Structure formats: C-alpha cells, structure tokens
Amino acid sequence: MAAERDARPLTQEQRKAWSEAMGHEKEQTTDLHYGRLSEERRAELFRQIADGKSDKITELSDEAKIKLVDMVLDAIK
C-alpha cells in the first residue's frame, strides 16, 4: 500500500493521511517499514531519470478504490 501511495502525486498532507489510515502515527513509520525499494527498482528509476522519463501513474477504477479503502479500514479496525 505504501508503494501505491508513492506512485501518486499526493500533497504532504495527503501522504500523512494515507499513513494514518494504515495505522501509523508518523509518515516515517510507513516509509521505514513499507517504503523500501529493491535494487532492481532503484536502478530502473535512475535509468528513467537519466532518460528524462517518469513512471506512468495509473488510474484506479472506482471498484479498485473501494477495495483499497475497505482494506485500509479493515487494517485499522
């Protein structure tokens, strides 16, 4: 879920809300435990930066959004 958060153009306040919805008081908790990149992914991101490209941000369907929110709500219950 943290990777999905990071793939979106969110404001700092939205990122904090996302982390709190995951049950984390601080956004750093989310980053520390869930926001790690694999070596392969890090290398790919640097290749994209060097090529002047960015990762495509995908849009979620309404059904996927509902499922995501349900998962977050279940996790914080």
N, C-alpha and C. Protein backbone atom coordinates (compact mmCIF):
# COMPACT_ATOMS: atom_id res chain seq x y z
N MET A 1 0.82 -1.18 0.00
CA MET A 1 0.00 0.00 0.00
C MET A 1 0.87 1.26 0.00
N ALA A 2 2.03 1.18 0.64
CA ALA A 2 2.92 2.33 0.64
C ALA A 2 3.45 2.60 -0.77
N ALA A 3 3.71 1.55 -1.52
CA ALA A 3 4.19 1.72 -2.90
C ALA A 3 3.11 2.40 -3.74
N GLU A 4 1.87 2.04 -3.51
CA GLU A 4 0.77 2.68 -4.24
C GLU A 4 0.68 4.16 -3.86
N ARG A 5 0.87 4.46 -2.59
CA ARG A 5 0.87 5.85 -2.13
C ARG A 5 1.99 6.62 -2.83
N ASP A 6 3.15 6.01 -2.92
CA ASP A 6 4.30 6.69 -3.51
C ASP A 6 4.17 6.88 -5.01
N ALA A 7 3.31 6.09 -5.65
CA ALA A 7 3.13 6.20 -7.10
C ALA A 7 2.16 7.32 -7.47
N ARG A 8 1.59 7.97 -6.47
CA ARG A 8 0.58 9.00 -6.72
C ARG A 8 1.13 10.39 -6.43
N PRO A 9 0.67 11.38 -7.17
CA PRO A 9 1.11 12.77 -6.92
C PRO A 9 0.33 13.38 -5.76
N LEU A 10 0.67 12.99 -4.54
CA LEU A 10 -0.06 13.44 -3.36
C LEU A 10 0.64 14.61 -2.69
N THR A 11 -0.15 15.44 -2.03
CA THR A 11 0.43 16.50 -1.21
C THR A 11 1.00 15.86 0.05
N GLN A 12 1.80 16.61 0.78
CA GLN A 12 2.36 16.10 2.03
C GLN A 12 1.24 15.73 3.00
N GLU A 13 0.21 16.56 3.05
CA GLU A 13 -0.92 16.29 3.95
C GLU A 13 -1.66 15.02 3.54
N GLN A 14 -1.82 14.79 2.24
CA GLN A 14 -2.46 13.57 1.75
C GLN A 14 -1.62 12.34 2.08
N ARG A 15 -0.29 12.46 1.95
CA ARG A 15 0.60 11.34 2.30
C ARG A 15 0.47 11.01 3.78
N LYS A 16 0.37 12.04 4.62
CA LYS A 16 0.21 11.82 6.05
C LYS A 16 -1.11 11.11 6.34
N ALA A 17 -2.18 11.57 5.69
CA ALA A 17 -3.49 10.93 5.87
C ALA A 17 -3.43 9.46 5.46
N TRP A 18 -2.74 9.16 4.38
CA TRP A 18 -2.61 7.78 3.90
C TRP A 18 -1.90 6.94 4.96
N SER A 19 -0.81 7.47 5.51
CA SER A 19 -0.06 6.74 6.54
C SER A 19 -0.90 6.53 7.78
N GLU A 20 -1.64 7.56 8.18
CA GLU A 20 -2.51 7.42 9.35
C GLU A 20 -3.58 6.37 9.11
N ALA A 21 -4.09 6.29 7.88
CA ALA A 21 -5.09 5.28 7.55
C ALA A 21 -4.50 3.87 7.64
N MET A 22 -3.19 3.77 7.49
CA MET A 22 -2.51 2.48 7.65
C MET A 22 -2.22 2.19 9.12
N GLY A 23 -2.61 3.12 10.00
CA GLY A 23 -2.41 2.92 11.42
C GLY A 23 -1.09 3.47 11.95
N HIS A 24 -0.43 4.30 11.15
CA HIS A 24 0.87 4.85 11.55
C HIS A 24 0.71 6.29 11.99
N GLU A 25 1.22 6.59 13.18
CA GLU A 25 1.14 7.96 13.69
C GLU A 25 2.01 8.90 12.87
N LYS A 26 3.15 8.40 12.40
CA LYS A 26 4.07 9.21 11.63
C LYS A 26 4.27 8.61 10.24
N GLU A 27 4.41 9.47 9.26
CA GLU A 27 4.64 9.00 7.89
C GLU A 27 5.96 8.24 7.79
N GLN A 28 6.92 8.60 8.62
CA GLN A 28 8.23 7.93 8.62
C GLN A 28 8.08 6.45 8.95
N THR A 29 7.09 6.09 9.76
CA THR A 29 6.86 4.67 10.07
C THR A 29 6.49 3.92 8.80
N THR A 30 5.63 4.51 8.00
CA THR A 30 5.24 3.89 6.73
C THR A 30 6.47 3.73 5.84
N ASP A 31 7.26 4.80 5.73
CA ASP A 31 8.44 4.75 4.87
C ASP A 31 9.45 3.73 5.36
N LEU A 32 9.67 3.68 6.66
CA LEU A 32 10.66 2.78 7.23
C LEU A 32 10.31 1.32 7.01
N HIS A 33 9.05 0.98 7.22
CA HIS A 33 8.66 -0.43 7.18
C HIS A 33 8.09 -0.90 5.85
N TYR A 34 7.58 0.02 5.04
CA TYR A 34 6.90 -0.40 3.81
C TYR A 34 7.41 0.28 2.55
N GLY A 35 8.24 1.29 2.68
CA GLY A 35 8.60 2.09 1.53
C GLY A 35 9.95 1.77 0.92
N ARG A 36 10.47 0.59 1.16
CA ARG A 36 11.80 0.27 0.63
C ARG A 36 11.74 -0.15 -0.83
N LEU A 37 12.77 0.24 -1.57
CA LEU A 37 12.88 -0.13 -2.98
C LEU A 37 13.88 -1.27 -3.13
N SER A 38 13.58 -2.16 -4.05
CA SER A 38 14.56 -3.20 -4.37
C SER A 38 15.69 -2.55 -5.17
N GLU A 39 16.83 -3.21 -5.21
CA GLU A 39 17.96 -2.71 -6.01
C GLU A 39 17.56 -2.58 -7.47
N GLU A 40 16.79 -3.55 -7.98
CA GLU A 40 16.37 -3.54 -9.37
C GLU A 40 15.47 -2.33 -9.65
N ARG A 41 14.53 -2.08 -8.75
CA ARG A 41 13.61 -0.96 -8.94
C ARG A 41 14.36 0.37 -8.85
N ARG A 42 15.28 0.48 -7.93
CA ARG A 42 16.08 1.70 -7.78
C ARG A 42 16.86 1.97 -9.07
N ALA A 43 17.48 0.93 -9.62
CA ALA A 43 18.24 1.08 -10.86
C ALA A 43 17.34 1.52 -12.00
N GLU A 44 16.15 0.93 -12.08
CA GLU A 44 15.20 1.31 -13.13
C GLU A 44 14.79 2.77 -12.99
N LEU A 45 14.55 3.22 -11.78
CA LEU A 45 14.17 4.62 -11.56
C LEU A 45 15.29 5.57 -11.98
N PHE A 46 16.53 5.21 -11.66
CA PHE A 46 17.65 6.06 -12.08
C PHE A 46 17.80 6.07 -13.60
N ARG A 47 17.52 4.96 -14.26
CA ARG A 47 17.55 4.92 -15.73
C ARG A 47 16.49 5.87 -16.29
N GLN A 48 15.30 5.84 -15.69
CA GLN A 48 14.23 6.72 -16.14
C GLN A 48 14.61 8.18 -15.95
N ILE A 49 15.21 8.49 -14.80
CA ILE A 49 15.63 9.87 -14.54
C ILE A 49 16.66 10.30 -15.59
N ALA A 50 17.64 9.44 -15.86
CA ALA A 50 18.68 9.76 -16.84
C ALA A 50 18.09 9.94 -18.24
N ASP A 51 17.04 9.18 -18.55
CA ASP A 51 16.40 9.28 -19.86
C ASP A 51 15.35 10.39 -19.93
N GLY A 52 15.13 11.08 -18.81
CA GLY A 52 14.14 12.14 -18.78
C GLY A 52 12.72 11.64 -18.78
N LYS A 53 12.51 10.43 -18.32
CA LYS A 53 11.18 9.83 -18.29
C LYS A 53 10.71 9.72 -16.85
N SER A 54 9.41 9.56 -16.68
CA SER A 54 8.87 9.29 -15.36
C SER A 54 8.01 8.04 -15.44
N ASP A 55 7.83 7.43 -14.30
CA ASP A 55 6.98 6.25 -14.22
C ASP A 55 5.53 6.67 -14.49
N LYS A 56 4.82 5.89 -15.25
CA LYS A 56 3.42 6.21 -15.54
C LYS A 56 2.58 5.94 -14.29
N ILE A 57 1.81 6.93 -13.91
CA ILE A 57 0.90 6.77 -12.78
C ILE A 57 -0.42 6.25 -13.33
N THR A 58 -0.85 5.14 -12.79
CA THR A 58 -2.08 4.53 -13.29
C THR A 58 -3.28 5.04 -12.50
N GLU A 59 -4.38 5.10 -13.18
CA GLU A 59 -5.63 5.48 -12.55
C GLU A 59 -6.32 4.23 -12.03
N LEU A 60 -6.91 4.33 -10.86
CA LEU A 60 -7.65 3.20 -10.30
C LEU A 60 -9.11 3.33 -10.68
N SER A 61 -9.74 2.19 -10.95
CA SER A 61 -11.18 2.19 -11.19
C SER A 61 -11.89 2.46 -9.87
N ASP A 62 -13.16 2.83 -9.95
CA ASP A 62 -13.93 3.05 -8.73
C ASP A 62 -13.96 1.78 -7.88
N GLU A 63 -14.07 0.64 -8.53
CA GLU A 63 -14.08 -0.64 -7.81
C GLU A 63 -12.77 -0.86 -7.07
N ALA A 64 -11.65 -0.55 -7.71
CA ALA A 64 -10.34 -0.71 -7.07
C ALA A 64 -10.18 0.27 -5.92
N LYS A 65 -10.69 1.49 -6.08
CA LYS A 65 -10.62 2.47 -5.00
C LYS A 65 -11.41 1.99 -3.78
N ILE A 66 -12.60 1.47 -4.03
CA ILE A 66 -13.43 0.96 -2.93
C ILE A 66 -12.71 -0.18 -2.21
N LYS A 67 -12.13 -1.08 -2.99
CA LYS A 67 -11.40 -2.21 -2.40
C LYS A 67 -10.22 -1.71 -1.55
N LEU A 68 -9.49 -0.72 -2.06
CA LEU A 68 -8.36 -0.18 -1.33
C LEU A 68 -8.80 0.46 -0.01
N VAL A 69 -9.85 1.25 -0.06
CA VAL A 69 -10.37 1.88 1.16
C VAL A 69 -10.86 0.82 2.14
N ASP A 70 -11.55 -0.19 1.64
CA ASP A 70 -12.01 -1.28 2.51
C ASP A 70 -10.84 -1.97 3.20
N MET A 71 -9.75 -2.19 2.45
CA MET A 71 -8.57 -2.83 3.04
C MET A 71 -7.97 -1.97 4.14
N VAL A 72 -7.90 -0.67 3.91
CA VAL A 72 -7.35 0.24 4.92
C VAL A 72 -8.25 0.24 6.15
N LEU A 73 -9.55 0.33 5.95
CA LEU A 73 -10.46 0.33 7.08
C LEU A 73 -10.40 -0.96 7.87
N ASP A 74 -10.29 -2.09 7.19
CA ASP A 74 -10.14 -3.38 7.87
C ASP A 74 -8.85 -3.42 8.69
N ALA A 75 -7.79 -2.81 8.16
CA ALA A 75 -6.49 -2.83 8.84
C ALA A 75 -6.49 -1.98 10.11
N ILE A 76 -7.32 -0.93 10.13
CA ILE A 76 -7.30 -0.06 11.31
C ILE A 76 -8.39 -0.42 12.33
N LYS A 77 -9.20 -1.40 12.04
CA LYS A 77 -10.25 -1.83 13.00
C LYS A 77 -9.65 -2.65 14.09
